[in-house]
N, C-alpha and C. Protein backbone atom coordinates (compact mmCIF):
# COMPACT_ATOMS: atom_id res chain seq x y z
N UNK A 1 80.17 -12.29 137.61
CA UNK A 1 80.79 -13.02 138.70
C UNK A 1 82.14 -13.56 138.25
N UNK A 2 83.19 -13.26 139.00
CA UNK A 2 84.55 -13.75 138.70
C UNK A 2 84.68 -15.18 139.18
N UNK A 3 85.13 -16.05 138.31
CA UNK A 3 85.38 -17.44 138.65
C UNK A 3 86.72 -17.51 139.37
N UNK A 4 86.80 -18.18 140.54
CA UNK A 4 88.11 -18.29 141.20
C UNK A 4 89.12 -19.01 140.31
N UNK A 5 90.35 -18.49 140.28
CA UNK A 5 91.40 -19.14 139.50
C UNK A 5 91.65 -20.55 140.01
N UNK A 6 91.66 -20.68 141.35
CA UNK A 6 91.96 -21.96 141.98
C UNK A 6 90.87 -22.26 143.00
N UNK A 7 90.28 -23.44 142.86
CA UNK A 7 89.21 -23.84 143.76
C UNK A 7 89.61 -25.18 144.38
N UNK A 8 89.70 -25.22 145.70
CA UNK A 8 90.13 -26.43 146.40
C UNK A 8 88.99 -26.94 147.24
N UNK A 9 88.67 -28.23 147.08
CA UNK A 9 87.61 -28.85 147.88
C UNK A 9 88.14 -30.15 148.46
N UNK A 10 87.43 -30.67 149.44
CA UNK A 10 87.76 -31.98 149.98
C UNK A 10 88.42 -31.93 151.34
N UNK A 11 88.89 -33.08 151.75
CA UNK A 11 89.48 -33.26 153.08
C UNK A 11 90.87 -32.66 153.19
N UNK A 12 91.44 -32.74 154.36
CA UNK A 12 92.76 -32.17 154.63
C UNK A 12 93.87 -33.15 154.23
N UNK A 13 93.95 -33.45 152.96
CA UNK A 13 94.93 -34.40 152.44
C UNK A 13 95.94 -33.66 151.58
N UNK A 14 97.13 -34.20 151.46
CA UNK A 14 98.15 -33.65 150.55
C UNK A 14 98.08 -34.34 149.19
N UNK A 15 97.19 -35.31 149.07
CA UNK A 15 97.00 -36.06 147.83
C UNK A 15 95.68 -35.63 147.20
N UNK A 16 95.49 -36.00 145.94
CA UNK A 16 94.20 -35.71 145.34
C UNK A 16 94.14 -35.84 143.84
N UNK A 17 93.01 -35.41 143.32
CA UNK A 17 92.71 -35.40 141.89
C UNK A 17 92.48 -33.95 141.51
N UNK A 18 92.73 -33.63 140.27
CA UNK A 18 92.59 -32.24 139.86
C UNK A 18 92.10 -32.15 138.42
N UNK A 19 91.53 -30.99 138.12
CA UNK A 19 91.13 -30.66 136.76
C UNK A 19 91.76 -29.32 136.43
N UNK A 20 92.46 -29.28 135.33
CA UNK A 20 93.02 -28.04 134.83
C UNK A 20 92.13 -27.53 133.70
N UNK A 21 91.87 -26.24 133.70
CA UNK A 21 91.23 -25.60 132.56
C UNK A 21 92.34 -24.87 131.83
N UNK A 22 92.57 -25.25 130.60
CA UNK A 22 93.70 -24.76 129.80
C UNK A 22 93.16 -23.97 128.62
N UNK A 23 93.70 -22.79 128.42
CA UNK A 23 93.29 -21.98 127.28
C UNK A 23 94.41 -21.97 126.24
N UNK A 24 94.07 -22.39 125.04
CA UNK A 24 94.98 -22.36 123.89
C UNK A 24 94.65 -21.09 123.10
N UNK A 25 95.62 -20.20 122.96
CA UNK A 25 95.38 -18.88 122.39
C UNK A 25 95.25 -18.87 120.87
N UNK A 26 95.79 -19.88 120.20
CA UNK A 26 95.69 -19.94 118.74
C UNK A 26 95.71 -21.39 118.28
N UNK A 27 95.20 -21.63 117.08
CA UNK A 27 95.22 -22.97 116.51
C UNK A 27 96.66 -23.46 116.40
N UNK A 28 96.85 -24.75 116.60
CA UNK A 28 98.19 -25.32 116.44
C UNK A 28 98.08 -26.81 116.13
N UNK A 29 99.19 -27.39 115.76
CA UNK A 29 99.32 -28.84 115.62
C UNK A 29 100.42 -29.25 116.57
N UNK A 30 100.22 -30.37 117.26
CA UNK A 30 101.14 -30.74 118.32
C UNK A 30 101.33 -32.25 118.39
N UNK A 31 102.56 -32.65 118.64
CA UNK A 31 102.87 -34.04 118.98
C UNK A 31 102.86 -34.11 120.50
N UNK A 32 102.09 -35.00 121.06
CA UNK A 32 102.03 -35.19 122.50
C UNK A 32 103.04 -36.26 122.90
N UNK A 33 104.30 -35.94 122.71
CA UNK A 33 105.36 -36.91 123.01
C UNK A 33 105.26 -38.09 122.07
N UNK A 34 105.31 -39.28 122.64
CA UNK A 34 105.24 -40.50 121.83
C UNK A 34 103.82 -41.03 121.68
N UNK A 35 102.83 -40.26 122.12
CA UNK A 35 101.43 -40.67 122.00
C UNK A 35 101.11 -40.98 120.53
N UNK A 36 100.59 -42.17 120.30
CA UNK A 36 100.26 -42.64 118.95
C UNK A 36 101.42 -42.44 117.98
N UNK A 37 102.62 -42.84 118.46
CA UNK A 37 103.85 -42.79 117.66
C UNK A 37 104.18 -41.38 117.17
N UNK A 38 103.90 -40.39 118.00
CA UNK A 38 104.23 -39.01 117.66
C UNK A 38 103.29 -38.36 116.66
N UNK A 39 102.07 -38.88 116.57
CA UNK A 39 101.09 -38.34 115.64
C UNK A 39 100.89 -36.84 115.87
N UNK A 40 100.85 -36.07 114.81
CA UNK A 40 100.58 -34.64 114.88
C UNK A 40 99.07 -34.45 115.00
N UNK A 41 98.64 -33.78 116.07
CA UNK A 41 97.21 -33.62 116.35
C UNK A 41 96.85 -32.14 116.25
N UNK A 42 95.79 -31.86 115.51
CA UNK A 42 95.31 -30.48 115.35
C UNK A 42 94.52 -30.06 116.58
N UNK A 43 94.83 -28.87 117.09
CA UNK A 43 94.12 -28.31 118.24
C UNK A 43 93.62 -26.93 117.86
N UNK A 44 92.33 -26.71 118.02
CA UNK A 44 91.74 -25.40 117.74
C UNK A 44 91.92 -24.50 118.96
N UNK A 45 92.06 -23.22 118.73
CA UNK A 45 92.13 -22.27 119.83
C UNK A 45 90.87 -22.42 120.69
N UNK A 46 91.02 -22.24 121.99
CA UNK A 46 89.88 -22.34 122.89
C UNK A 46 90.26 -23.02 124.19
N UNK A 47 89.26 -23.52 124.89
CA UNK A 47 89.46 -24.12 126.20
C UNK A 47 89.50 -25.64 126.15
N UNK A 48 90.34 -26.18 127.05
CA UNK A 48 90.52 -27.62 127.19
C UNK A 48 90.52 -27.95 128.68
N UNK A 49 90.25 -29.19 129.01
CA UNK A 49 90.41 -29.65 130.39
C UNK A 49 91.36 -30.83 130.39
N UNK A 50 91.99 -30.98 131.53
CA UNK A 50 92.84 -32.14 131.76
C UNK A 50 92.57 -32.63 133.17
N UNK A 51 92.33 -33.92 133.31
CA UNK A 51 92.11 -34.54 134.62
C UNK A 51 93.35 -35.34 134.97
N UNK A 52 93.84 -35.14 136.18
CA UNK A 52 95.01 -35.88 136.64
C UNK A 52 94.90 -36.17 138.13
N UNK A 53 95.88 -36.89 138.64
CA UNK A 53 95.89 -37.16 140.08
C UNK A 53 97.33 -37.18 140.57
N UNK A 54 97.46 -36.96 141.86
CA UNK A 54 98.73 -37.02 142.56
C UNK A 54 98.40 -37.60 143.92
N UNK A 55 98.61 -38.87 144.08
CA UNK A 55 98.05 -39.58 145.23
C UNK A 55 99.05 -39.88 146.35
N UNK A 56 100.13 -39.13 146.40
CA UNK A 56 101.09 -39.29 147.48
C UNK A 56 100.90 -38.16 148.49
N UNK A 57 101.13 -38.45 149.74
CA UNK A 57 101.01 -37.43 150.78
C UNK A 57 102.22 -36.51 150.84
N UNK A 58 103.34 -36.91 150.22
CA UNK A 58 104.50 -36.03 150.19
C UNK A 58 105.36 -36.37 148.98
N UNK A 59 106.34 -35.51 148.73
CA UNK A 59 107.22 -35.74 147.59
C UNK A 59 106.67 -35.17 146.30
N UNK A 60 107.30 -35.55 145.20
CA UNK A 60 106.95 -34.98 143.90
C UNK A 60 105.58 -35.42 143.40
N UNK A 61 105.03 -36.46 143.98
CA UNK A 61 103.71 -36.90 143.54
C UNK A 61 102.60 -36.47 144.50
N UNK A 62 102.88 -35.43 145.30
CA UNK A 62 101.82 -34.83 146.12
C UNK A 62 101.07 -33.81 145.25
N UNK A 63 99.89 -33.47 145.68
CA UNK A 63 98.99 -32.63 144.88
C UNK A 63 99.60 -31.25 144.57
N UNK A 64 100.10 -30.55 145.57
CA UNK A 64 100.65 -29.20 145.33
C UNK A 64 101.84 -29.25 144.38
N UNK A 65 102.75 -30.17 144.60
CA UNK A 65 103.93 -30.26 143.72
C UNK A 65 103.53 -30.59 142.28
N UNK A 66 102.58 -31.49 142.12
CA UNK A 66 102.15 -31.85 140.76
C UNK A 66 101.51 -30.65 140.06
N UNK A 67 100.66 -29.92 140.76
CA UNK A 67 99.99 -28.78 140.14
C UNK A 67 100.98 -27.66 139.79
N UNK A 68 101.92 -27.38 140.70
CA UNK A 68 102.92 -26.35 140.41
C UNK A 68 103.81 -26.80 139.25
N UNK A 69 104.12 -28.07 139.19
CA UNK A 69 104.91 -28.60 138.08
C UNK A 69 104.18 -28.34 136.76
N UNK A 70 102.87 -28.60 136.73
CA UNK A 70 102.10 -28.35 135.51
C UNK A 70 102.15 -26.87 135.11
N UNK A 71 102.23 -25.98 136.09
CA UNK A 71 102.20 -24.55 135.82
C UNK A 71 103.58 -23.97 135.49
N UNK A 72 104.60 -24.83 135.40
CA UNK A 72 105.92 -24.39 134.97
C UNK A 72 106.16 -24.87 133.54
N UNK A 73 107.18 -24.32 132.93
CA UNK A 73 107.55 -24.75 131.57
C UNK A 73 109.01 -25.21 131.60
N UNK A 74 109.41 -25.95 130.60
CA UNK A 74 110.77 -26.48 130.54
C UNK A 74 111.77 -25.40 130.11
N UNK A 75 113.04 -25.71 130.29
CA UNK A 75 114.15 -24.86 129.81
C UNK A 75 114.09 -23.42 130.33
N UNK A 76 113.73 -23.25 131.58
CA UNK A 76 113.72 -21.93 132.22
C UNK A 76 112.84 -20.90 131.52
N UNK A 77 111.86 -21.37 130.76
CA UNK A 77 110.92 -20.43 130.14
C UNK A 77 109.91 -19.97 131.18
N UNK A 78 109.27 -18.83 130.98
CA UNK A 78 108.35 -18.30 132.00
C UNK A 78 107.23 -19.29 132.34
N UNK A 79 106.88 -19.36 133.63
CA UNK A 79 105.79 -20.24 134.03
C UNK A 79 104.43 -19.68 133.59
N UNK A 80 103.40 -20.46 133.77
CA UNK A 80 102.04 -19.98 133.52
C UNK A 80 101.75 -18.85 134.51
N UNK A 81 100.93 -17.90 134.11
CA UNK A 81 100.61 -16.75 134.96
C UNK A 81 100.00 -17.17 136.29
N UNK A 82 99.33 -18.30 136.32
CA UNK A 82 98.66 -18.77 137.53
C UNK A 82 99.65 -19.33 138.56
N UNK A 83 100.87 -19.62 138.16
CA UNK A 83 101.83 -20.30 139.03
C UNK A 83 102.08 -19.57 140.36
N UNK A 84 102.42 -18.28 140.38
CA UNK A 84 102.64 -17.63 141.67
C UNK A 84 101.37 -17.54 142.53
N UNK A 85 100.22 -17.40 141.87
CA UNK A 85 98.94 -17.37 142.58
C UNK A 85 98.70 -18.73 143.23
N UNK A 86 99.00 -19.78 142.49
CA UNK A 86 98.86 -21.15 142.97
C UNK A 86 99.73 -21.37 144.21
N UNK A 87 100.99 -21.01 144.13
CA UNK A 87 101.92 -21.22 145.25
C UNK A 87 101.43 -20.49 146.49
N UNK A 88 101.03 -19.24 146.33
CA UNK A 88 100.53 -18.44 147.47
C UNK A 88 99.27 -19.08 148.07
N UNK A 89 98.35 -19.47 147.21
CA UNK A 89 97.09 -20.08 147.67
C UNK A 89 97.35 -21.39 148.41
N UNK A 90 98.24 -22.20 147.89
CA UNK A 90 98.57 -23.47 148.54
C UNK A 90 99.19 -23.24 149.91
N UNK A 91 100.06 -22.25 150.02
CA UNK A 91 100.68 -21.94 151.31
C UNK A 91 99.62 -21.49 152.32
N UNK A 92 98.67 -20.69 151.88
CA UNK A 92 97.61 -20.20 152.76
C UNK A 92 96.70 -21.30 153.27
N UNK A 93 96.49 -22.33 152.47
CA UNK A 93 95.57 -23.40 152.92
C UNK A 93 96.30 -24.66 153.38
N UNK A 94 97.62 -24.59 153.51
CA UNK A 94 98.38 -25.73 154.02
C UNK A 94 98.49 -26.90 153.06
N UNK A 95 98.46 -26.62 151.78
CA UNK A 95 98.59 -27.68 150.78
C UNK A 95 100.02 -27.68 150.26
N UNK A 96 100.76 -28.71 150.58
CA UNK A 96 102.10 -28.88 150.06
C UNK A 96 103.17 -28.17 150.86
N UNK A 97 104.42 -28.31 150.41
CA UNK A 97 105.55 -27.69 151.09
C UNK A 97 105.62 -26.18 150.80
N UNK A 98 106.47 -25.47 151.51
CA UNK A 98 106.58 -24.02 151.30
C UNK A 98 107.17 -23.69 149.93
N UNK A 99 107.97 -24.58 149.36
CA UNK A 99 108.54 -24.36 148.03
C UNK A 99 108.25 -25.56 147.13
N UNK A 100 107.11 -25.54 146.45
CA UNK A 100 106.73 -26.69 145.61
C UNK A 100 107.28 -26.67 144.18
N UNK A 101 108.12 -25.70 143.86
CA UNK A 101 108.66 -25.58 142.49
C UNK A 101 109.62 -26.74 142.22
N UNK A 102 109.55 -27.36 141.03
CA UNK A 102 110.46 -28.47 140.71
C UNK A 102 111.92 -28.04 140.87
N UNK A 103 112.68 -28.84 141.58
CA UNK A 103 114.08 -28.51 141.89
C UNK A 103 115.01 -28.56 140.69
N UNK A 104 114.80 -29.49 139.80
CA UNK A 104 115.70 -29.69 138.67
C UNK A 104 115.07 -29.30 137.34
N UNK A 105 114.18 -28.34 137.36
CA UNK A 105 113.51 -27.95 136.13
C UNK A 105 112.45 -28.96 135.73
N UNK A 106 111.81 -28.71 134.64
CA UNK A 106 110.72 -29.57 134.19
C UNK A 106 111.14 -30.39 132.98
N UNK A 107 110.98 -31.68 133.09
CA UNK A 107 111.20 -32.59 131.98
C UNK A 107 109.82 -33.02 131.49
N UNK A 108 109.61 -33.03 130.19
CA UNK A 108 108.31 -33.40 129.63
C UNK A 108 108.12 -34.91 129.72
N UNK A 109 107.10 -35.32 130.46
CA UNK A 109 106.85 -36.74 130.70
C UNK A 109 105.47 -37.15 130.19
N UNK A 110 104.42 -36.50 130.70
CA UNK A 110 103.05 -36.87 130.39
C UNK A 110 102.57 -36.16 129.13
N UNK A 111 101.53 -36.72 128.50
CA UNK A 111 100.97 -36.11 127.28
C UNK A 111 100.68 -34.63 127.48
N UNK A 112 100.03 -34.28 128.58
CA UNK A 112 99.63 -32.89 128.81
C UNK A 112 100.84 -31.95 128.92
N UNK A 113 102.00 -32.46 129.33
CA UNK A 113 103.19 -31.62 129.45
C UNK A 113 103.51 -30.92 128.13
N UNK A 114 103.30 -31.59 127.02
CA UNK A 114 103.64 -31.03 125.71
C UNK A 114 102.72 -29.86 125.36
N UNK A 115 101.48 -29.96 125.77
CA UNK A 115 100.54 -28.86 125.56
C UNK A 115 100.85 -27.70 126.51
N UNK A 116 101.08 -28.01 127.76
CA UNK A 116 101.33 -26.97 128.76
C UNK A 116 102.67 -26.27 128.56
N UNK A 117 103.57 -26.87 127.83
CA UNK A 117 104.88 -26.27 127.59
C UNK A 117 104.83 -25.17 126.53
N UNK A 118 103.77 -25.16 125.73
CA UNK A 118 103.62 -24.14 124.69
C UNK A 118 103.38 -22.77 125.32
N UNK A 119 104.00 -21.75 124.78
CA UNK A 119 103.77 -20.41 125.31
C UNK A 119 102.43 -19.83 124.87
N UNK A 120 101.73 -20.53 123.99
CA UNK A 120 100.39 -20.10 123.59
C UNK A 120 99.31 -20.76 124.43
N UNK A 121 99.70 -21.46 125.49
CA UNK A 121 98.72 -22.03 126.42
C UNK A 121 98.87 -21.37 127.78
N UNK A 122 97.76 -21.30 128.50
CA UNK A 122 97.75 -20.83 129.88
C UNK A 122 96.77 -21.67 130.67
N UNK A 123 97.18 -22.09 131.84
CA UNK A 123 96.24 -22.69 132.78
C UNK A 123 95.46 -21.52 133.36
N UNK A 124 94.15 -21.51 133.20
CA UNK A 124 93.37 -20.38 133.69
C UNK A 124 92.56 -20.71 134.94
N UNK A 125 92.26 -21.97 135.16
CA UNK A 125 91.55 -22.39 136.37
C UNK A 125 92.04 -23.75 136.80
N UNK A 126 91.96 -24.00 138.11
CA UNK A 126 92.31 -25.29 138.69
C UNK A 126 91.23 -25.68 139.69
N UNK A 127 90.77 -26.90 139.59
CA UNK A 127 89.92 -27.49 140.63
C UNK A 127 90.75 -28.61 141.24
N UNK A 128 91.08 -28.46 142.51
CA UNK A 128 91.86 -29.48 143.22
C UNK A 128 90.96 -30.15 144.25
N UNK A 129 90.94 -31.46 144.23
CA UNK A 129 90.12 -32.25 145.15
C UNK A 129 91.05 -32.97 146.10
N UNK A 130 91.14 -32.48 147.32
CA UNK A 130 92.01 -33.09 148.33
C UNK A 130 91.34 -34.36 148.84
N UNK A 131 91.87 -35.49 148.40
CA UNK A 131 91.30 -36.77 148.78
C UNK A 131 92.27 -37.88 148.41
N UNK A 132 92.38 -38.88 149.27
CA UNK A 132 93.22 -40.03 148.96
C UNK A 132 92.49 -41.03 148.06
N UNK A 133 91.21 -40.80 147.80
CA UNK A 133 90.44 -41.68 146.91
C UNK A 133 90.93 -41.54 145.48
N UNK A 134 90.89 -42.62 144.72
CA UNK A 134 91.24 -42.58 143.30
C UNK A 134 90.01 -42.14 142.51
N UNK A 135 89.97 -40.86 142.16
CA UNK A 135 88.81 -40.29 141.47
C UNK A 135 89.08 -39.95 140.01
N UNK A 136 90.32 -40.05 139.59
CA UNK A 136 90.71 -39.60 138.25
C UNK A 136 89.87 -40.25 137.14
N UNK A 137 89.75 -41.54 137.15
CA UNK A 137 89.03 -42.24 136.09
C UNK A 137 87.54 -41.89 136.11
N UNK A 138 86.96 -41.83 137.30
CA UNK A 138 85.53 -41.52 137.43
C UNK A 138 85.24 -40.10 136.95
N UNK A 139 86.05 -39.15 137.37
CA UNK A 139 85.84 -37.75 136.96
C UNK A 139 86.16 -37.59 135.48
N UNK A 140 87.18 -38.28 135.01
CA UNK A 140 87.49 -38.24 133.58
C UNK A 140 86.32 -38.70 132.75
N UNK A 141 85.70 -39.78 133.17
CA UNK A 141 84.53 -40.32 132.44
C UNK A 141 83.37 -39.34 132.50
N UNK A 142 83.15 -38.74 133.68
CA UNK A 142 82.11 -37.75 133.87
C UNK A 142 82.29 -36.59 132.88
N UNK A 143 83.53 -36.13 132.72
CA UNK A 143 83.79 -35.03 131.79
C UNK A 143 83.67 -35.48 130.33
N UNK A 144 84.11 -36.70 130.04
CA UNK A 144 83.98 -37.23 128.67
C UNK A 144 82.52 -37.23 128.22
N UNK A 145 81.62 -37.56 129.14
CA UNK A 145 80.20 -37.68 128.81
C UNK A 145 79.46 -36.35 128.83
N UNK A 146 80.12 -35.29 129.27
CA UNK A 146 79.49 -33.99 129.32
C UNK A 146 79.19 -33.50 127.90
N UNK A 147 78.01 -32.94 127.69
CA UNK A 147 77.59 -32.53 126.34
C UNK A 147 78.46 -31.43 125.73
N UNK A 148 79.16 -30.67 126.56
CA UNK A 148 79.98 -29.59 126.05
C UNK A 148 81.45 -29.96 125.87
N UNK A 149 81.81 -31.20 126.17
CA UNK A 149 83.20 -31.62 125.98
C UNK A 149 83.32 -32.48 124.72
N UNK A 150 84.52 -32.50 124.20
CA UNK A 150 84.76 -33.22 122.95
C UNK A 150 86.09 -33.96 123.05
N UNK A 151 86.10 -35.22 122.70
CA UNK A 151 87.33 -36.00 122.67
C UNK A 151 88.12 -35.58 121.44
N UNK A 152 89.37 -35.18 121.66
CA UNK A 152 90.25 -34.77 120.56
C UNK A 152 90.83 -36.01 119.90
N UNK A 153 91.30 -36.92 120.74
CA UNK A 153 91.92 -38.16 120.28
C UNK A 153 91.75 -39.19 121.39
N UNK A 154 91.16 -40.33 121.08
CA UNK A 154 90.93 -41.36 122.10
C UNK A 154 92.23 -41.72 122.82
N UNK A 155 92.15 -41.76 124.16
CA UNK A 155 93.28 -42.14 124.98
C UNK A 155 94.23 -41.02 125.34
N UNK A 156 94.04 -39.83 124.79
CA UNK A 156 94.96 -38.73 125.02
C UNK A 156 94.95 -38.33 126.50
N UNK A 157 96.13 -38.30 127.09
CA UNK A 157 96.28 -37.90 128.48
C UNK A 157 95.97 -38.99 129.48
N UNK A 158 95.64 -40.18 129.00
CA UNK A 158 95.22 -41.26 129.90
C UNK A 158 95.94 -42.56 129.57
N UNK A 159 97.24 -42.50 129.44
CA UNK A 159 98.01 -43.70 129.07
C UNK A 159 97.85 -44.83 130.07
N UNK A 160 97.59 -44.49 131.33
CA UNK A 160 97.46 -45.51 132.37
C UNK A 160 96.02 -45.95 132.59
N UNK A 161 95.08 -45.46 131.78
CA UNK A 161 93.67 -45.78 131.96
C UNK A 161 93.06 -46.16 130.61
N UNK A 162 93.09 -47.44 130.27
CA UNK A 162 92.53 -47.87 128.99
C UNK A 162 91.08 -47.40 128.81
N UNK A 163 90.74 -47.01 127.62
CA UNK A 163 89.39 -46.57 127.25
C UNK A 163 88.99 -45.24 127.87
N UNK A 164 89.94 -44.44 128.32
CA UNK A 164 89.63 -43.12 128.87
C UNK A 164 90.42 -42.06 128.10
N UNK A 165 89.93 -40.83 128.14
CA UNK A 165 90.60 -39.69 127.54
C UNK A 165 90.55 -38.57 128.56
N UNK A 166 91.70 -38.04 128.94
CA UNK A 166 91.74 -37.04 130.00
C UNK A 166 92.04 -35.62 129.52
N UNK A 167 92.39 -35.45 128.26
CA UNK A 167 92.51 -34.11 127.68
C UNK A 167 91.35 -33.94 126.72
N UNK A 168 90.47 -33.00 127.04
CA UNK A 168 89.24 -32.80 126.28
C UNK A 168 89.10 -31.36 125.84
N UNK A 169 88.50 -31.15 124.71
CA UNK A 169 88.15 -29.80 124.23
C UNK A 169 86.82 -29.45 124.89
N UNK A 170 86.66 -28.19 125.32
CA UNK A 170 85.41 -27.74 125.94
C UNK A 170 84.84 -26.62 125.10
N UNK A 171 83.61 -26.81 124.64
CA UNK A 171 82.95 -25.81 123.81
C UNK A 171 81.92 -25.06 124.65
N UNK A 172 82.41 -24.28 125.62
CA UNK A 172 81.50 -23.55 126.49
C UNK A 172 82.22 -22.37 127.13
N UNK A 173 81.66 -21.84 128.22
CA UNK A 173 82.18 -20.61 128.82
C UNK A 173 82.41 -20.79 130.32
N UNK A 174 82.57 -19.65 131.03
CA UNK A 174 82.81 -19.69 132.47
C UNK A 174 81.69 -20.37 133.24
N UNK A 175 80.48 -20.25 132.78
CA UNK A 175 79.35 -20.90 133.48
C UNK A 175 79.51 -22.42 133.47
N UNK A 176 80.07 -22.95 132.39
CA UNK A 176 80.33 -24.39 132.33
C UNK A 176 81.30 -24.79 133.44
N UNK A 177 82.40 -24.03 133.57
CA UNK A 177 83.39 -24.34 134.58
C UNK A 177 82.77 -24.29 135.98
N UNK A 178 81.96 -23.28 136.25
CA UNK A 178 81.30 -23.15 137.55
C UNK A 178 80.38 -24.34 137.82
N UNK A 179 79.62 -24.73 136.82
CA UNK A 179 78.68 -25.83 137.03
C UNK A 179 79.40 -27.17 137.19
N UNK A 180 80.50 -27.37 136.47
CA UNK A 180 81.28 -28.61 136.62
C UNK A 180 81.85 -28.70 138.03
N UNK A 181 82.38 -27.58 138.53
CA UNK A 181 82.93 -27.55 139.89
C UNK A 181 81.85 -27.92 140.90
N UNK A 182 80.69 -27.32 140.75
CA UNK A 182 79.56 -27.61 141.66
C UNK A 182 79.12 -29.07 141.53
N UNK A 183 78.97 -29.55 140.30
CA UNK A 183 78.54 -30.94 140.09
C UNK A 183 79.52 -31.94 140.70
N UNK A 184 80.80 -31.70 140.55
CA UNK A 184 81.80 -32.62 141.10
C UNK A 184 81.75 -32.60 142.62
N UNK A 185 81.60 -31.44 143.18
CA UNK A 185 81.51 -31.34 144.64
C UNK A 185 80.32 -32.14 145.17
N UNK A 186 79.17 -31.99 144.53
CA UNK A 186 77.96 -32.70 144.96
C UNK A 186 78.07 -34.20 144.69
N UNK A 187 78.48 -34.55 143.49
CA UNK A 187 78.47 -35.96 143.07
C UNK A 187 79.56 -36.81 143.74
N UNK A 188 80.75 -36.24 143.91
CA UNK A 188 81.86 -37.06 144.38
C UNK A 188 82.30 -36.79 145.80
N UNK A 189 81.93 -35.65 146.35
CA UNK A 189 82.40 -35.34 147.69
C UNK A 189 81.26 -35.13 148.68
N UNK A 190 80.05 -35.28 148.22
CA UNK A 190 78.86 -35.19 149.09
C UNK A 190 78.91 -33.95 149.97
N UNK A 191 79.21 -32.80 149.32
CA UNK A 191 79.25 -31.48 149.96
C UNK A 191 80.34 -31.30 150.99
N UNK A 192 81.40 -32.08 150.95
CA UNK A 192 82.52 -31.86 151.88
C UNK A 192 83.29 -30.62 151.54
């Protein structure tokens, strides 16, 4: 069974919470910007998740624009392979503007930007939850407690949420991603 690259659930909102499934193709060491004073963090090849939110109904902090921004790289380097698929899918379901690509290129701001900017990473799946509810912290905690996820570094990716970690290593396969998508739909959206 092929896992959908992009899975969108929830109400007809332009805002929401999302989970990225990121594949790192080879081992690396990375500074996540100024996180922990630029500490070099070892990352093993494999899958990672990142939980984020974009809670504005329009503008750069709307869900579609934020997700497309994540799927681009800085300095005119090639975007993630999922980027054109994402744009087409969003247009088909009425999520975001017709052209959600960042107008002035991508500047690295958030911890995850540094990981996503590497050419050895690819976003391979997206779960977008269309909802004006603030679900980022709750879903982040849900993923932290999952038996197949591993905290790389406390607080990574969650500068605005004390005691949370939003970039996690996942030691599992496609079935994990499918079950997480189903669990989140049932637990947080009551089958919407």
